[in-house]
Amino acid sequence: MTESVQPIDSVWDALEGSPAEAENMRIRSCLMMAIREFISSRNLTQSQAARLFKVTQPRISELQRGKINLFSIDRLILMLVQAGWRVDVTVSSTSNMVTSGANNR
């Protein structure tokens, strides 16, 4: 007997217990990637990034190592705003997808 395999929309759908948890992780992942890309594109040290984002250097280290479970959506948005970015959120009911993006002012 064979089992049918259902396709998944994202890795978070496979890892998390509910669609809401998966969406929360996807949004946090997007925000963390935006911060990491910003740090990398500016060649900032962790100490410089910490001052810019108004957090400690160990927090930047955790972010750089992908410790997603240590960061809330609120905290990540606050970090981006501290650095002069604006976060835009788009909610779509047709596909049940929420997308977020970070834009430098």
N, C-alpha and C. Protein backbone atom coordinates (compact mmCIF):
# COMPACT_ATOMS: atom_id res chain seq x y z
N MET A 1 0.84 -1.18 0.00
CA MET A 1 0.00 0.00 0.00
C MET A 1 0.88 1.24 0.00
N THR A 2 0.59 2.17 -0.85
CA THR A 2 1.39 3.39 -0.93
C THR A 2 0.61 4.56 -0.36
N GLU A 3 1.37 5.46 0.25
CA GLU A 3 0.76 6.68 0.79
C GLU A 3 0.91 7.78 -0.24
N SER A 4 -0.09 8.63 -0.33
CA SER A 4 0.04 9.78 -1.22
C SER A 4 0.75 10.89 -0.46
N VAL A 5 1.63 11.56 -1.14
CA VAL A 5 2.39 12.65 -0.56
C VAL A 5 1.75 13.96 -0.99
N GLN A 6 1.40 14.78 -0.01
CA GLN A 6 0.79 16.07 -0.31
C GLN A 6 1.88 17.11 -0.51
N PRO A 7 1.78 17.92 -1.56
CA PRO A 7 2.78 18.97 -1.76
C PRO A 7 2.65 20.03 -0.67
N ILE A 8 3.77 20.67 -0.34
CA ILE A 8 3.76 21.73 0.66
C ILE A 8 4.15 23.04 0.00
N ASP A 9 3.64 24.14 0.56
CA ASP A 9 3.95 25.46 0.00
C ASP A 9 5.31 25.97 0.43
N SER A 10 5.74 25.61 1.63
CA SER A 10 7.04 26.07 2.11
C SER A 10 7.58 25.07 3.12
N VAL A 11 8.85 25.21 3.40
CA VAL A 11 9.49 24.34 4.40
C VAL A 11 8.83 24.52 5.76
N TRP A 12 8.35 25.71 6.04
CA TRP A 12 7.71 25.97 7.34
C TRP A 12 6.42 25.17 7.48
N ASP A 13 5.71 24.95 6.38
CA ASP A 13 4.49 24.14 6.43
C ASP A 13 4.82 22.71 6.87
N ALA A 14 5.98 22.23 6.44
CA ALA A 14 6.38 20.88 6.79
C ALA A 14 6.87 20.78 8.23
N LEU A 15 7.45 21.86 8.75
CA LEU A 15 8.07 21.83 10.07
C LEU A 15 7.14 22.21 11.21
N GLU A 16 6.17 23.04 10.94
CA GLU A 16 5.32 23.56 12.01
C GLU A 16 3.99 22.81 12.09
N GLY A 17 3.37 22.88 13.27
CA GLY A 17 2.17 22.11 13.54
C GLY A 17 0.89 22.68 12.95
N SER A 18 0.88 23.96 12.65
CA SER A 18 -0.34 24.56 12.12
C SER A 18 0.02 25.59 11.06
N PRO A 19 -0.93 25.93 10.20
CA PRO A 19 -0.67 26.97 9.19
C PRO A 19 -0.29 28.31 9.83
N ALA A 20 -0.89 28.65 10.97
CA ALA A 20 -0.57 29.91 11.64
C ALA A 20 0.88 29.92 12.13
N GLU A 21 1.32 28.82 12.71
CA GLU A 21 2.71 28.73 13.18
C GLU A 21 3.68 28.79 12.00
N ALA A 22 3.32 28.12 10.91
CA ALA A 22 4.17 28.13 9.72
C ALA A 22 4.29 29.55 9.15
N GLU A 23 3.19 30.27 9.13
CA GLU A 23 3.20 31.64 8.60
C GLU A 23 4.04 32.55 9.49
N ASN A 24 3.93 32.38 10.80
CA ASN A 24 4.72 33.16 11.74
C ASN A 24 6.21 32.93 11.50
N MET A 25 6.61 31.68 11.32
CA MET A 25 8.01 31.36 11.06
C MET A 25 8.47 31.92 9.72
N ARG A 26 7.61 31.86 8.72
CA ARG A 26 7.98 32.38 7.40
C ARG A 26 8.22 33.88 7.46
N ILE A 27 7.36 34.59 8.17
CA ILE A 27 7.51 36.04 8.29
C ILE A 27 8.79 36.38 9.05
N ARG A 28 9.02 35.68 10.17
CA ARG A 28 10.26 35.93 10.92
C ARG A 28 11.49 35.64 10.07
N SER A 29 11.43 34.58 9.30
CA SER A 29 12.54 34.23 8.43
C SER A 29 12.83 35.33 7.41
N CYS A 30 11.77 35.87 6.80
CA CYS A 30 11.93 36.96 5.82
C CYS A 30 12.56 38.19 6.46
N LEU A 31 12.09 38.54 7.65
CA LEU A 31 12.62 39.71 8.34
C LEU A 31 14.08 39.50 8.74
N MET A 32 14.40 38.31 9.23
CA MET A 32 15.78 38.01 9.60
C MET A 32 16.70 38.05 8.39
N MET A 33 16.24 37.52 7.26
CA MET A 33 17.06 37.55 6.05
C MET A 33 17.31 38.99 5.60
N ALA A 34 16.29 39.84 5.72
CA ALA A 34 16.47 41.25 5.33
C ALA A 34 17.53 41.91 6.20
N ILE A 35 17.51 41.64 7.49
CA ILE A 35 18.50 42.22 8.40
C ILE A 35 19.88 41.67 8.08
N ARG A 36 19.99 40.38 7.89
CA ARG A 36 21.29 39.77 7.58
C ARG A 36 21.86 40.31 6.27
N GLU A 37 21.01 40.45 5.25
CA GLU A 37 21.46 40.99 3.96
C GLU A 37 21.92 42.43 4.11
N PHE A 38 21.21 43.21 4.93
CA PHE A 38 21.59 44.59 5.17
C PHE A 38 22.97 44.66 5.83
N ILE A 39 23.18 43.85 6.86
CA ILE A 39 24.46 43.82 7.56
C ILE A 39 25.58 43.44 6.60
N SER A 40 25.34 42.41 5.81
CA SER A 40 26.34 41.94 4.86
C SER A 40 26.63 42.97 3.78
N SER A 41 25.60 43.58 3.24
CA SER A 41 25.79 44.55 2.15
C SER A 41 26.55 45.79 2.60
N ARG A 42 26.48 46.10 3.88
CA ARG A 42 27.19 47.26 4.43
C ARG A 42 28.53 46.87 5.05
N ASN A 43 28.86 45.58 5.00
CA ASN A 43 30.09 45.06 5.60
C ASN A 43 30.24 45.49 7.05
N LEU A 44 29.13 45.43 7.78
CA LEU A 44 29.15 45.82 9.19
C LEU A 44 29.68 44.70 10.06
N THR A 45 30.45 45.05 11.07
CA THR A 45 30.82 44.07 12.08
C THR A 45 29.59 43.84 12.94
N GLN A 46 29.64 42.79 13.74
CA GLN A 46 28.52 42.54 14.65
C GLN A 46 28.36 43.68 15.64
N SER A 47 29.45 44.26 16.09
CA SER A 47 29.37 45.39 17.03
C SER A 47 28.74 46.60 16.38
N GLN A 48 29.12 46.90 15.14
CA GLN A 48 28.53 48.03 14.42
C GLN A 48 27.04 47.80 14.19
N ALA A 49 26.69 46.60 13.79
CA ALA A 49 25.29 46.27 13.56
C ALA A 49 24.50 46.38 14.86
N ALA A 50 25.08 45.93 15.95
CA ALA A 50 24.40 46.00 17.25
C ALA A 50 24.09 47.45 17.61
N ARG A 51 25.04 48.33 17.40
CA ARG A 51 24.79 49.76 17.70
C ARG A 51 23.69 50.31 16.79
N LEU A 52 23.73 49.97 15.52
CA LEU A 52 22.75 50.46 14.57
C LEU A 52 21.34 49.96 14.92
N PHE A 53 21.22 48.69 15.26
CA PHE A 53 19.92 48.09 15.55
C PHE A 53 19.52 48.22 17.02
N LYS A 54 20.40 48.85 17.81
CA LYS A 54 20.13 49.09 19.24
C LYS A 54 19.86 47.78 20.00
N VAL A 55 20.74 46.81 19.75
CA VAL A 55 20.73 45.53 20.47
C VAL A 55 22.17 45.23 20.88
N THR A 56 22.35 44.13 21.58
CA THR A 56 23.70 43.73 21.97
C THR A 56 24.36 42.94 20.84
N GLN A 57 25.68 42.88 20.89
CA GLN A 57 26.42 42.10 19.90
C GLN A 57 26.02 40.63 19.93
N PRO A 58 25.82 40.03 21.12
CA PRO A 58 25.37 38.64 21.12
C PRO A 58 24.03 38.42 20.39
N ARG A 59 23.14 39.42 20.44
CA ARG A 59 21.86 39.30 19.71
C ARG A 59 22.11 39.26 18.20
N ILE A 60 23.05 40.07 17.72
CA ILE A 60 23.39 40.04 16.29
C ILE A 60 23.99 38.69 15.94
N SER A 61 24.83 38.16 16.81
CA SER A 61 25.40 36.84 16.58
C SER A 61 24.31 35.78 16.48
N GLU A 62 23.32 35.83 17.36
CA GLU A 62 22.21 34.89 17.32
C GLU A 62 21.43 35.02 16.01
N LEU A 63 21.22 36.26 15.58
CA LEU A 63 20.52 36.51 14.32
C LEU A 63 21.33 35.95 13.15
N GLN A 64 22.64 36.21 13.14
CA GLN A 64 23.50 35.74 12.05
C GLN A 64 23.55 34.22 12.00
N ARG A 65 23.40 33.56 13.13
CA ARG A 65 23.43 32.10 13.19
C ARG A 65 22.05 31.49 12.95
N GLY A 66 21.05 32.35 12.66
CA GLY A 66 19.73 31.86 12.30
C GLY A 66 18.91 31.33 13.45
N LYS A 67 19.13 31.83 14.64
CA LYS A 67 18.38 31.38 15.83
C LYS A 67 16.99 32.00 15.82
N ILE A 68 16.18 31.57 14.88
CA ILE A 68 14.87 32.17 14.63
C ILE A 68 13.95 32.10 15.84
N ASN A 69 14.08 31.06 16.64
CA ASN A 69 13.21 30.90 17.80
C ASN A 69 13.46 31.95 18.88
N LEU A 70 14.56 32.70 18.78
CA LEU A 70 14.89 33.72 19.78
C LEU A 70 14.37 35.11 19.41
N PHE A 71 13.73 35.25 18.24
CA PHE A 71 13.30 36.56 17.77
C PHE A 71 11.81 36.55 17.44
N SER A 72 11.10 37.52 18.00
CA SER A 72 9.69 37.70 17.67
C SER A 72 9.57 38.60 16.44
N ILE A 73 8.42 38.55 15.81
CA ILE A 73 8.15 39.47 14.70
C ILE A 73 8.28 40.91 15.18
N ASP A 74 7.72 41.20 16.34
CA ASP A 74 7.79 42.56 16.89
C ASP A 74 9.23 43.02 17.05
N ARG A 75 10.08 42.17 17.59
CA ARG A 75 11.48 42.55 17.84
C ARG A 75 12.20 42.79 16.52
N LEU A 76 11.97 41.95 15.55
CA LEU A 76 12.63 42.11 14.25
C LEU A 76 12.19 43.40 13.56
N ILE A 77 10.90 43.70 13.63
CA ILE A 77 10.41 44.96 13.05
C ILE A 77 11.02 46.15 13.77
N LEU A 78 11.09 46.10 15.08
CA LEU A 78 11.70 47.18 15.84
C LEU A 78 13.15 47.39 15.44
N MET A 79 13.89 46.30 15.25
CA MET A 79 15.29 46.42 14.82
C MET A 79 15.38 47.11 13.47
N LEU A 80 14.52 46.74 12.53
CA LEU A 80 14.55 47.36 11.21
C LEU A 80 14.21 48.84 11.28
N VAL A 81 13.21 49.19 12.07
CA VAL A 81 12.83 50.60 12.22
C VAL A 81 13.96 51.39 12.87
N GLN A 82 14.63 50.80 13.85
CA GLN A 82 15.77 51.47 14.50
C GLN A 82 16.84 51.83 13.48
N ALA A 83 16.98 51.03 12.44
CA ALA A 83 17.99 51.26 11.41
C ALA A 83 17.48 52.13 10.26
N GLY A 84 16.27 52.68 10.41
CA GLY A 84 15.76 53.58 9.39
C GLY A 84 14.98 52.91 8.28
N TRP A 85 14.55 51.70 8.50
CA TRP A 85 13.78 50.98 7.51
C TRP A 85 12.29 51.09 7.83
N ARG A 86 11.48 50.86 6.82
CA ARG A 86 10.04 50.76 6.98
C ARG A 86 9.63 49.37 6.54
N VAL A 87 8.77 48.73 7.28
CA VAL A 87 8.31 47.39 6.94
C VAL A 87 6.89 47.49 6.41
N ASP A 88 6.69 46.98 5.21
CA ASP A 88 5.36 46.96 4.59
C ASP A 88 4.82 45.54 4.68
N VAL A 89 3.55 45.43 4.98
CA VAL A 89 2.89 44.12 5.09
C VAL A 89 1.73 44.07 4.12
N THR A 90 1.64 42.97 3.39
CA THR A 90 0.54 42.75 2.47
C THR A 90 -0.20 41.50 2.92
N VAL A 91 -1.51 41.63 3.06
CA VAL A 91 -2.33 40.49 3.47
C VAL A 91 -3.26 40.16 2.31
N SER A 92 -3.29 38.90 1.94
CA SER A 92 -4.12 38.47 0.82
C SER A 92 -5.02 37.33 1.26
N SER A 93 -6.31 37.49 1.10
CA SER A 93 -7.25 36.45 1.50
C SER A 93 -7.42 35.38 0.42
N THR A 94 -7.06 35.69 -0.81
CA THR A 94 -7.28 34.73 -1.88
C THR A 94 -6.33 33.55 -1.81
N SER A 95 -5.11 33.79 -1.34
CA SER A 95 -4.16 32.68 -1.28
C SER A 95 -3.77 32.34 0.15
N ASN A 96 -4.38 33.06 1.12
CA ASN A 96 -4.03 32.87 2.53
C ASN A 96 -2.56 33.08 2.79
N MET A 97 -1.92 33.93 2.01
CA MET A 97 -0.50 34.22 2.19
C MET A 97 -0.34 35.63 2.73
N VAL A 98 0.57 35.80 3.65
CA VAL A 98 0.93 37.11 4.16
C VAL A 98 2.38 37.32 3.77
N THR A 99 2.65 38.42 3.07
CA THR A 99 4.03 38.69 2.69
C THR A 99 4.49 39.95 3.38
N SER A 100 5.75 39.99 3.68
CA SER A 100 6.32 41.17 4.30
C SER A 100 7.60 41.52 3.58
N GLY A 101 7.91 42.78 3.60
CA GLY A 101 9.16 43.22 3.01
C GLY A 101 9.71 44.37 3.81
N ALA A 102 11.00 44.51 3.79
CA ALA A 102 11.64 45.60 4.51
C ALA A 102 12.24 46.52 3.47
N ASN A 103 11.96 47.79 3.59
CA ASN A 103 12.45 48.78 2.65
C ASN A 103 13.18 49.88 3.38
N ASN A 104 14.38 50.18 2.92
CA ASN A 104 15.14 51.28 3.51
C ASN A 104 14.53 52.58 3.06
N ARG A 105 14.42 53.51 3.97
CA ARG A 105 13.82 54.81 3.64
C ARG A 105 14.70 55.60 2.74
